[in-house]
Amino acid sequence: MEKMFSIEAFLDKIYEAWPKLLLAVILFIIGTLVSKLVIKFIRKSLKRSKIEATYHSFFISLIKIGLNIVVLFIALTTLGVPSASLVTILGAASLAISLAIKDSLANLAGGFLILLSKPFTVGDYIESGGAAGIVKEITVLHTRLNTSDNKVVYIPNGQMAGAKITNYSKEELRKLEIVFSLSCDHDILDTKILLQRIIDQNPLALKEPEPVVRV
């Protein structure tokens, strides 16, 4: 009766396959290093280009994913895996993954909507979903805000694309309302004159549109 498992046969197969395995590992390492250099070059090129900083992180994230897929594809074909089989597996895996990560796909679509409609850009101060802060980065899945007390908030792009967004930086001018409480023994007219004088002496207060002091 033959043995179902032979250590010698297993070692022979490893001995026969190790050159391809070693080459695949070397190609994977080289491909990973080359991908990092390409990303570094693209990042510098984007900074020197006229493309808005809003798009930089999004483009780099997409390119990084694509390069990782290419490197993995090359390594697997070097091992002898047929490219047609890889394409078939990739298609089936894409369908299964898309069902499993539908929220992530919604975030990806939300990222595209944000970049196309541009309700805000990197550097704007916005408020959305109960969080407020300066937009620091827009990636394929989320938008990163830095709050006034230096906290980092990550909001999914899918949620951001469908939520109410208040952009405090969109317009060059913004109205500031300051409310004061007075006791009954204060003269209202004198208080209005005092506040108007303070406004007139403030270099940041604009003459047009004219400031209004009212009760």
Protein backbone atom coordinates (compact mmCIF):
# COMPACT_ATOMS: atom_id res chain seq x y z
CA MET A 1 0.00 0.00 0.00
CA GLU A 2 1.48 3.39 -1.05
CA LYS A 3 1.81 6.22 1.41
CA MET A 4 -0.50 9.14 0.82
CA PHE A 5 2.23 11.61 1.73
CA SER A 6 5.94 11.32 0.93
CA ILE A 7 8.41 13.71 2.54
CA GLU A 8 10.96 12.97 -0.19
CA ALA A 9 8.49 13.85 -2.95
CA PHE A 10 7.50 17.02 -1.11
CA LEU A 11 11.15 18.07 -0.76
CA ASP A 12 11.76 17.27 -4.41
CA LYS A 13 8.92 19.57 -5.42
CA ILE A 14 10.26 22.35 -3.21
CA TYR A 15 13.74 21.83 -4.69
CA GLU A 16 12.32 22.08 -8.21
CA ALA A 17 10.22 25.14 -7.41
CA TRP A 18 12.68 27.13 -5.27
CA PRO A 19 14.29 29.02 -8.19
CA LYS A 20 10.88 30.34 -9.29
CA LEU A 21 9.90 31.02 -5.67
CA LEU A 22 13.13 32.91 -5.04
CA LEU A 23 12.71 34.90 -8.24
CA ALA A 24 9.09 35.72 -7.33
CA VAL A 25 10.15 36.95 -3.87
CA ILE A 26 12.96 39.04 -5.38
CA LEU A 27 10.59 40.56 -7.95
CA PHE A 28 8.03 41.28 -5.25
CA ILE A 29 10.63 43.08 -3.11
CA ILE A 30 12.01 45.02 -6.07
CA GLY A 31 8.50 45.86 -7.26
CA THR A 32 7.56 47.13 -3.80
CA LEU A 33 10.66 49.34 -3.65
CA VAL A 34 10.06 50.65 -7.17
CA SER A 35 6.42 51.38 -6.27
CA LYS A 36 7.55 53.45 -3.28
CA LEU A 37 9.97 55.40 -5.49
CA VAL A 38 7.24 55.99 -8.07
CA ILE A 39 4.83 57.20 -5.38
CA LYS A 40 7.54 59.50 -3.98
CA PHE A 41 8.21 60.91 -7.45
CA ILE A 42 4.49 61.41 -8.15
CA ARG A 43 4.02 63.10 -4.77
CA LYS A 44 6.83 65.59 -5.53
CA SER A 45 5.53 66.15 -9.07
CA LEU A 46 2.04 66.90 -7.79
CA LYS A 47 3.43 69.45 -5.32
CA ARG A 48 5.21 71.23 -8.18
CA SER A 49 2.21 71.02 -10.51
CA LYS A 50 -0.79 73.33 -10.73
CA ILE A 51 -3.16 70.54 -9.64
CA GLU A 52 -5.03 71.49 -6.47
CA ALA A 53 -3.75 69.93 -3.25
CA THR A 54 -7.25 68.56 -2.71
CA TYR A 55 -6.66 65.90 -5.38
CA HIS A 56 -3.14 64.84 -4.33
CA SER A 57 -3.93 62.31 -1.60
CA PHE A 58 -6.81 60.85 -3.61
CA PHE A 59 -4.70 60.27 -6.72
CA ILE A 60 -1.78 58.87 -4.73
CA SER A 61 -4.07 56.40 -2.93
CA LEU A 62 -5.48 55.12 -6.24
CA ILE A 63 -2.04 54.83 -7.84
CA LYS A 64 -0.67 53.00 -4.79
CA ILE A 65 -3.47 50.41 -4.97
CA GLY A 66 -2.89 49.92 -8.71
CA LEU A 67 0.88 49.48 -8.30
CA ASN A 68 0.40 46.92 -5.51
CA ILE A 69 -1.92 44.89 -7.75
CA VAL A 70 0.61 44.98 -10.62
CA VAL A 71 3.47 43.86 -8.35
CA LEU A 72 1.41 40.99 -6.95
CA PHE A 73 0.33 39.99 -10.49
CA ILE A 74 3.97 39.86 -11.67
CA ALA A 75 5.06 37.79 -8.66
CA LEU A 76 2.28 35.25 -9.15
CA THR A 77 2.90 34.86 -12.89
CA THR A 78 6.59 34.30 -12.13
CA LEU A 79 5.57 31.37 -9.92
CA GLY A 80 3.88 29.85 -12.96
CA VAL A 81 0.30 30.83 -12.28
CA PRO A 82 -1.39 31.38 -15.70
CA SER A 83 -2.34 34.99 -16.34
CA ALA A 84 -5.78 33.92 -17.62
CA SER A 85 -6.43 32.13 -14.36
CA LEU A 86 -5.31 35.20 -12.42
CA VAL A 87 -7.72 37.40 -14.37
CA THR A 88 -10.56 34.95 -13.70
CA ILE A 89 -9.69 34.73 -10.01
CA LEU A 90 -9.37 38.51 -9.84
CA GLY A 91 -12.82 38.94 -11.39
CA ALA A 92 -14.45 36.46 -9.01
CA ALA A 93 -12.59 37.95 -6.06
CA SER A 94 -13.64 41.46 -7.10
CA LEU A 95 -17.30 40.42 -7.06
CA ALA A 96 -16.99 38.76 -3.65
CA ILE A 97 -14.98 41.65 -2.24
CA SER A 98 -17.40 44.24 -3.63
CA LEU A 99 -20.26 42.56 -1.77
CA ALA A 100 -18.21 42.33 1.41
CA ILE A 101 -16.94 45.91 1.31
CA LYS A 102 -19.93 47.73 -0.14
CA ASP A 103 -19.49 50.46 2.49
CA SER A 104 -15.91 51.03 1.33
CA LEU A 105 -17.10 51.21 -2.27
CA ALA A 106 -19.68 53.78 -1.19
CA ASN A 107 -16.86 55.75 0.42
CA LEU A 108 -14.84 55.50 -2.80
CA ALA A 109 -17.80 56.81 -4.81
CA GLY A 110 -18.28 59.53 -2.20
CA GLY A 111 -14.65 60.56 -2.64
CA PHE A 112 -15.18 60.99 -6.39
CA LEU A 113 -18.33 63.04 -5.74
CA ILE A 114 -16.47 65.31 -3.33
CA LEU A 115 -13.66 65.89 -5.81
CA LEU A 116 -16.09 66.58 -8.67
CA SER A 117 -18.57 68.82 -6.83
CA LYS A 118 -15.87 70.44 -4.63
CA PRO A 119 -17.99 71.49 -1.63
CA PHE A 120 -14.65 72.00 0.13
CA THR A 121 -10.94 71.75 -0.56
CA VAL A 122 -7.84 71.00 1.50
CA GLY A 123 -7.25 73.89 3.90
CA ASP A 124 -10.94 74.85 4.30
CA TYR A 125 -12.55 75.00 7.73
CA ILE A 126 -15.75 72.97 7.57
CA GLU A 127 -18.40 71.47 9.81
CA SER A 128 -20.12 68.16 9.03
CA GLY A 129 -21.58 65.25 10.98
CA GLY A 130 -21.06 66.93 14.33
CA ALA A 131 -17.35 67.54 13.69
CA ALA A 132 -15.62 70.78 12.71
CA GLY A 133 -12.05 71.40 11.67
CA ILE A 134 -9.57 72.16 8.89
CA VAL A 135 -9.55 69.72 5.97
CA LYS A 136 -6.09 68.16 5.90
CA GLU A 137 -6.54 65.27 3.49
CA ILE A 138 -9.07 63.62 1.17
CA THR A 139 -8.23 59.97 0.47
CA VAL A 140 -10.15 57.29 -1.43
CA LEU A 141 -12.09 56.27 1.69
CA HIS A 142 -12.21 59.14 4.15
CA THR A 143 -11.68 62.86 4.77
CA ARG A 144 -9.34 63.86 7.59
CA LEU A 145 -10.05 66.95 9.70
CA ASN A 146 -7.92 68.62 12.35
CA THR A 147 -10.11 70.22 15.02
CA SER A 148 -9.34 73.51 16.78
CA ASP A 149 -8.07 71.57 19.83
CA ASN A 150 -5.75 69.52 17.54
CA LYS A 151 -7.76 66.32 17.40
CA VAL A 152 -7.81 64.26 14.20
CA VAL A 153 -11.25 63.25 12.91
CA TYR A 154 -11.76 60.76 10.06
CA ILE A 155 -15.13 61.05 8.32
CA PRO A 156 -16.08 58.40 5.69
CA ASN A 157 -16.48 59.92 2.24
CA GLY A 158 -19.83 58.16 1.76
CA GLN A 159 -21.20 59.87 4.85
CA MET A 160 -19.57 63.17 3.90
CA ALA A 161 -21.04 63.14 0.37
CA GLY A 162 -24.60 62.77 1.70
CA ALA A 163 -24.35 64.99 4.76
CA LYS A 164 -24.93 68.68 5.35
CA ILE A 165 -21.61 70.53 5.06
CA THR A 166 -20.97 74.04 6.34
CA ASN A 167 -17.90 75.59 4.72
CA TYR A 168 -16.61 78.60 6.67
CA SER A 169 -13.78 79.27 4.20
CA LYS A 170 -15.67 79.27 0.89
CA GLU A 171 -16.43 82.98 0.91
CA GLU A 172 -13.84 85.68 1.40
CA LEU A 173 -16.04 87.63 3.84
CA ARG A 174 -18.12 86.31 6.70
CA LYS A 175 -20.52 88.02 9.09
CA LEU A 176 -19.68 87.82 12.79
CA GLU A 177 -22.47 88.16 15.32
CA ILE A 178 -21.59 88.98 18.94
CA VAL A 179 -24.35 89.07 21.54
CA PHE A 180 -24.04 91.06 24.79
CA SER A 181 -26.39 91.00 27.79
CA LEU A 182 -27.23 94.24 29.62
CA SER A 183 -28.77 94.80 33.00
CA CYS A 184 -31.85 96.99 33.30
CA ASP A 185 -29.89 99.93 34.75
CA HIS A 186 -27.68 100.32 31.66
CA ASP A 187 -28.53 102.96 29.11
CA ILE A 188 -29.17 101.27 25.77
CA LEU A 189 -28.20 104.29 23.66
CA ASP A 190 -24.88 104.80 25.48
CA THR A 191 -24.11 101.10 25.08
CA LYS A 192 -24.81 101.23 21.33
CA ILE A 193 -22.55 104.29 20.96
CA LEU A 194 -19.77 102.52 22.90
CA LEU A 195 -20.01 99.36 20.77
CA GLN A 196 -20.07 101.40 17.56
CA ARG A 197 -16.91 103.24 18.69
CA ILE A 198 -15.17 99.93 19.38
CA ILE A 199 -16.13 98.67 15.92
CA ASP A 200 -14.89 101.85 14.23
CA GLN A 201 -11.51 101.54 15.97
CA ASN A 202 -11.08 97.88 15.02
CA PRO A 203 -8.96 97.58 11.83
CA LEU A 204 -10.51 94.16 11.03
CA ALA A 205 -14.06 95.56 10.94
CA LEU A 206 -15.14 96.46 7.42
CA LYS A 207 -16.93 99.67 6.48
CA GLU A 208 -18.82 97.87 3.70
CA PRO A 209 -21.06 96.11 4.38
CA GLU A 210 -21.79 98.51 7.22
CA PRO A 211 -21.65 97.04 10.76
CA VAL A 212 -24.98 97.08 12.60
CA VAL A 213 -25.51 97.50 16.34
CA ARG A 214 -29.06 96.75 17.40
CA VAL A 215 -31.14 95.60 20.32
